[in-house]
Structures are given as C-alpha cells and as structure tokens.
Amino acid sequence: MKKNRKMKGVKNMEITYKEKNGQMIPELTMPRQPQEKIGKYGRMRRTFLKDHRKGLYNSLLLNGKLTEHLIEVDRKVRGIVELTITKMAQDGGVTEELKASDPMKWTGLMNNLKQAAEEAVIHDLIYN
C-alpha cells in the first residue's frame, strides 16, 4: 500500500510510504552520486571544508553535490598543476635528454617542480 502525502511547509516534495509490519515507512533515497574516485586534491578540499567551512560542507552534502564538487576541484587542480609543471620544466631546461642521461637528477628536478606548482595552485583552489 503506497500513499503520497504532501507535507505542510515543504515545497515540491512528495514522500512515498510503504507498509511494513503494520507501520508506514517513508521510502527515502539519496541522489545518485558520480562513481568516479576522488583524488588527492579532492580529498584535501573535503578535509578543508569539514574543518573550516562547515556550513558549505553540510550544504553540499545534504544537496547531494559534495562528491561532484570534490571531483571538479580535483580535476581542475590536477590540470593546472600539470600545465604548470610542463611550463616550468620547459623554462628550466628539464628535458627528455636529461631524463635519459641522468635519471636521478631529472627525478629530483621534477619533484621540485611538482612541489612548487602545487604550492602555487593549492592555496587558491583548495583552501579558499
């Protein structure tokens, strides 16, 4: 037995009930979430929102948009960091020839470039 009932004070919301063991139980479902995994930068954003922007975090969570927001932030930061690393590597002379001739030096330089690129981008896009 299903009943649709509109509740006073709630706009555009219908709750469907089903009877189970003589009691009416509301059929509540969460909105579908994207199945993509949240990356490093998305997880950093989630931690920041949880700790420092609780209102925004709860709003996104309750509206079913938190996962989508975190995936978007992760993609955006990853893209900008990759572009920044590429540009800095070209400007700094970090080439494939260096990678072939001295892989340890190349790795160290690339790690430094990644760290610098993350520092330049993370503050504005994650901690804001």
Protein backbone atom coordinates (compact mmCIF):
# COMPACT_ATOMS: atom_id res chain seq x y z
CA MET A 1 0.00 0.00 0.00
CA LYS A 2 1.59 3.25 -1.15
CA LYS A 3 0.43 6.68 -0.15
CA ASN A 4 1.57 10.03 -1.42
CA ARG A 5 1.23 12.82 1.05
CA LYS A 6 2.30 16.42 0.81
CA MET A 7 3.63 17.88 3.99
CA LYS A 8 2.84 21.41 5.09
CA GLY A 9 5.75 23.82 4.75
CA VAL A 10 7.72 21.61 2.35
CA LYS A 11 7.88 22.80 -1.25
CA ASN A 12 7.74 20.36 -4.15
CA MET A 13 8.38 17.32 -2.02
CA GLU A 14 6.35 14.17 -2.07
CA ILE A 15 7.09 11.35 0.28
CA THR A 16 6.08 7.85 -0.64
CA TYR A 17 5.38 5.40 2.20
CA LYS A 18 5.21 1.64 2.23
CA GLU A 19 3.67 -0.50 4.89
CA LYS A 20 5.93 -2.89 6.70
CA ASN A 21 4.82 -4.88 9.74
CA GLY A 22 1.84 -2.61 10.23
CA GLN A 23 3.87 0.61 10.16
CA MET A 24 4.19 3.20 7.41
CA ILE A 25 7.87 3.59 6.48
CA PRO A 26 8.98 6.51 4.23
CA GLU A 27 10.83 5.50 1.08
CA LEU A 28 13.81 7.83 1.15
CA THR A 29 16.69 7.64 -1.29
CA MET A 30 19.85 9.63 -1.74
CA PRO A 31 20.53 11.27 -5.11
CA ARG A 32 22.83 9.27 -7.36
CA GLN A 33 26.48 10.15 -6.84
CA PRO A 34 29.19 10.07 -9.52
CA GLN A 35 31.13 6.81 -9.43
CA GLU A 36 34.48 8.44 -10.18
CA LYS A 37 37.05 8.25 -7.40
CA ILE A 38 38.04 11.42 -5.58
CA GLY A 39 41.73 12.18 -6.00
CA LYS A 40 44.33 13.71 -3.70
CA TYR A 41 43.24 17.32 -4.23
CA GLY A 42 39.54 16.48 -3.81
CA ARG A 43 40.29 14.77 -0.51
CA MET A 44 42.29 17.81 0.61
CA ARG A 45 39.32 20.04 -0.28
CA ARG A 46 36.92 17.78 1.65
CA THR A 47 39.12 17.96 4.76
CA PHE A 48 39.34 21.75 4.47
CA LEU A 49 35.57 22.11 4.07
CA LYS A 50 34.90 19.77 7.01
CA ASP A 51 37.29 21.63 9.30
CA HIS A 52 36.90 25.26 8.21
CA ARG A 53 33.73 25.70 6.10
CA LYS A 54 31.23 23.50 7.91
CA GLY A 55 28.18 25.34 6.52
CA LEU A 56 29.26 24.89 2.91
CA TYR A 57 30.29 21.28 3.58
CA ASN A 58 26.91 20.41 5.10
CA SER A 59 25.01 22.24 2.36
CA LEU A 60 26.87 20.36 -0.39
CA LEU A 61 26.45 17.08 1.48
CA LEU A 62 22.72 17.50 2.07
CA ASN A 63 22.06 18.61 -1.51
CA GLY A 64 23.95 15.59 -2.86
CA LYS A 65 26.55 17.76 -4.59
CA LEU A 66 29.61 17.18 -2.39
CA THR A 67 31.11 14.35 -4.45
CA GLU A 68 30.54 16.25 -7.68
CA HIS A 69 32.20 19.36 -6.19
CA LEU A 70 35.21 17.39 -4.94
CA ILE A 71 35.71 15.67 -8.30
CA GLU A 72 35.50 19.02 -10.10
CA VAL A 73 38.06 20.61 -7.75
CA ASP A 74 40.37 17.61 -8.14
CA ARG A 75 40.22 17.75 -11.95
CA LYS A 76 40.78 21.50 -12.04
CA VAL A 77 43.76 21.44 -9.66
CA ARG A 78 45.33 18.41 -11.38
CA GLY A 79 45.04 20.10 -14.78
CA ILE A 80 46.56 23.36 -13.61
CA VAL A 81 49.39 21.61 -11.74
CA GLU A 82 50.23 19.52 -14.83
CA LEU A 83 50.28 22.59 -17.08
CA THR A 84 52.41 24.50 -14.58
CA ILE A 85 54.89 21.63 -14.29
CA THR A 86 55.17 21.37 -18.07
CA LYS A 87 55.78 25.11 -18.44
CA MET A 88 58.30 25.21 -15.59
CA ALA A 89 60.14 22.15 -16.98
CA GLN A 90 60.45 23.80 -20.40
CA ASP A 91 61.66 27.05 -18.85
CA GLY A 92 64.12 25.22 -16.56
CA GLY A 93 65.61 23.00 -19.25
CA VAL A 94 64.34 19.75 -17.77
CA THR A 95 64.22 17.63 -20.93
CA GLU A 96 63.87 14.04 -22.05
CA GLU A 97 67.60 14.05 -22.85
CA LEU A 98 68.32 14.84 -19.19
CA LYS A 99 65.95 12.04 -18.19
CA ALA A 100 67.88 9.59 -20.37
CA SER A 101 71.35 10.75 -19.30
CA ASP A 102 70.80 11.43 -15.58
CA PRO A 103 67.50 9.93 -14.33
CA MET A 104 68.16 10.72 -10.65
CA LYS A 105 68.79 14.40 -11.34
CA TRP A 106 65.72 14.53 -13.61
CA THR A 107 63.55 12.92 -10.90
CA GLY A 108 64.77 15.37 -8.28
CA LEU A 109 64.11 18.35 -10.53
CA MET A 110 60.64 17.10 -11.47
CA ASN A 111 59.76 16.52 -7.80
CA ASN A 112 60.85 20.08 -7.02
CA LEU A 113 58.79 21.42 -9.91
CA LYS A 114 55.73 19.47 -8.77
CA GLN A 115 56.07 20.79 -5.23
CA ALA A 116 56.43 24.38 -6.47
CA ALA A 117 53.45 24.02 -8.84
CA GLU A 118 51.26 22.58 -6.07
CA GLU A 119 52.20 25.40 -3.70
CA ALA A 120 51.29 27.97 -6.32
CA VAL A 121 47.86 26.49 -7.03
CA ILE A 122 46.59 24.72 -3.92
CA HIS A 123 46.05 27.79 -1.75
CA ASP A 124 43.72 29.47 -4.25
CA LEU A 125 41.75 26.42 -5.38
CA ILE A 126 41.55 24.20 -2.30
CA TYR A 127 41.92 26.47 0.74
CA ASN A 128 39.54 29.17 -0.41
